[in-house]
């Protein structure tokens, strides 16, 4: 009976350790996601600015006569 309780205690300790590990990993992934979302927003703004500049330059080009 004691052996069974010891084995159960070890298994519970393993589950607790895994839970802590997964919680830590989850926290890190949430931080990475937050950073990636912020980076995506910055890139989207830069793309929009680049598109606006290209459209402005395109309007300044003389029309081709063919």
C-alpha atoms as a PDB file:
ATOM      1  CA  UNK A   1       0.000   0.000   0.000  1.00  0.00           C
ATOM      2  CA  UNK A   2       2.853   2.384   0.821  1.00  0.00           C
ATOM      3  CA  UNK A   3       4.479   1.659  -2.534  1.00  0.00           C
ATOM      4  CA  UNK A   4       1.259   2.526  -4.319  1.00  0.00           C
ATOM      5  CA  UNK A   5       0.978   5.796  -2.413  1.00  0.00           C
ATOM      6  CA  UNK A   6       4.608   6.627  -3.194  1.00  0.00           C
ATOM      7  CA  UNK A   7       4.016   5.920  -6.879  1.00  0.00           C
ATOM      8  CA  UNK A   8       0.893   8.056  -6.828  1.00  0.00           C
ATOM      9  CA  UNK A   9       2.802  10.861  -5.098  1.00  0.00           C
ATOM     10  CA  UNK A  10       5.511  10.728  -7.762  1.00  0.00           C
ATOM     11  CA  UNK A  11       2.913  10.846 -10.533  1.00  0.00           C
ATOM     12  CA  UNK A  12       1.168  13.812  -8.930  1.00  0.00           C
ATOM     13  CA  UNK A  13       4.533  15.560  -8.589  1.00  0.00           C
ATOM     14  CA  UNK A  14       5.193  14.911 -12.289  1.00  0.00           C
ATOM     15  CA  UNK A  15       1.799  16.334 -13.238  1.00  0.00           C
ATOM     16  CA  UNK A  16       2.423  19.412 -11.090  1.00  0.00           C
ATOM     17  CA  UNK A  17       5.861  19.909 -12.653  1.00  0.00           C
ATOM     18  CA  UNK A  18       4.399  19.529 -16.146  1.00  0.00           C
ATOM     19  CA  UNK A  19       1.664  22.006 -15.284  1.00  0.00           C
ATOM     20  CA  UNK A  20       4.264  24.556 -14.164  1.00  0.00           C
ATOM     21  CA  UNK A  21       6.311  23.947 -17.302  1.00  0.00           C
ATOM     22  CA  UNK A  22       3.280  24.375 -19.569  1.00  0.00           C
ATOM     23  CA  UNK A  23       2.181  27.499 -17.717  1.00  0.00           C
ATOM     24  CA  UNK A  24       5.638  29.003 -18.211  1.00  0.00           C
ATOM     25  CA  UNK A  25       5.654  28.024 -21.887  1.00  0.00           C
ATOM     26  CA  UNK A  26       2.167  29.476 -22.326  1.00  0.00           C
ATOM     27  CA  UNK A  27       3.301  32.751 -20.774  1.00  0.00           C
ATOM     28  CA  UNK A  28       6.261  32.907 -23.165  1.00  0.00           C
ATOM     29  CA  UNK A  29       4.028  32.165 -26.149  1.00  0.00           C
ATOM     30  CA  UNK A  30       1.607  34.896 -25.108  1.00  0.00           C
ATOM     31  CA  UNK A  31       4.506  37.364 -24.971  1.00  0.00           C
ATOM     32  CA  UNK A  32       5.665  36.257 -28.417  1.00  0.00           C
ATOM     33  CA  UNK A  33       2.152  36.658 -29.775  1.00  0.00           C
ATOM     34  CA  UNK A  34       1.866  40.158 -28.329  1.00  0.00           C
ATOM     35  CA  UNK A  35       5.176  41.105 -29.943  1.00  0.00           C
ATOM     36  CA  UNK A  36       4.175  39.564 -33.272  1.00  0.00           C
ATOM     37  CA  UNK A  37       0.837  41.408 -33.303  1.00  0.00           C
ATOM     38  CA  UNK A  38       2.589  44.712 -32.565  1.00  0.00           C
ATOM     39  CA  UNK A  39       5.186  44.025 -35.290  1.00  0.00           C
ATOM     40  CA  UNK A  40       2.413  43.178 -37.764  1.00  0.00           C
ATOM     41  CA  UNK A  41       0.683  46.475 -36.983  1.00  0.00           C
ATOM     42  CA  UNK A  42       3.889  48.424 -37.564  1.00  0.00           C
ATOM     43  CA  UNK A  43       4.467  46.600 -40.857  1.00  0.00           C
ATOM     44  CA  UNK A  44       0.887  47.225 -41.952  1.00  0.00           C
ATOM     45  CA  UNK A  45       1.324  50.938 -41.280  1.00  0.00           C
ATOM     46  CA  UNK A  46       4.593  50.981 -43.209  1.00  0.00           C
ATOM     47  CA  UNK A  47       2.952  49.138 -46.123  1.00  0.00           C
ATOM     48  CA  UNK A  48       0.085  51.617 -46.168  1.00  0.00           C
ATOM     49  CA  UNK A  49       2.532  54.528 -46.186  1.00  0.00           C
ATOM     50  CA  UNK A  50       4.543  52.923 -48.999  1.00  0.00           C
ATOM     51  CA  UNK A  51       1.365  52.341 -51.034  1.00  0.00           C
ATOM     52  CA  UNK A  52       0.340  55.959 -50.559  1.00  0.00           C
ATOM     53  CA  UNK A  53       3.765  57.146 -51.701  1.00  0.00           C
ATOM     54  CA  UNK A  54       3.641  54.877 -54.759  1.00  0.00           C
ATOM     55  CA  UNK A  55       0.180  56.102 -55.684  1.00  0.00           C
ATOM     56  CA  UNK A  56       1.369  59.685 -55.320  1.00  0.00           C
ATOM     57  CA  UNK A  57       4.351  59.003 -57.566  1.00  0.00           C
ATOM     58  CA  UNK A  58       2.149  57.195 -60.097  1.00  0.00           C
ATOM     59  CA  UNK A  59      -0.099  60.258 -60.356  1.00  0.00           C
ATOM     60  CA  UNK A  60       2.938  62.402 -61.092  1.00  0.00           C
ATOM     61  CA  UNK A  61       4.008  60.271 -64.046  1.00  0.00           C
ATOM     62  CA  UNK A  62       3.110  61.627 -67.447  1.00  0.00           C
ATOM     63  CA  UNK A  63       0.469  59.653 -69.266  1.00  0.00           C
ATOM     64  CA  UNK A  64       1.752  57.440 -72.033  1.00  0.00           C
ATOM     65  CA  UNK A  65       0.415  58.217 -75.497  1.00  0.00           C
ATOM     66  CA  UNK A  66       0.299  55.316 -77.773  1.00  0.00           C
END
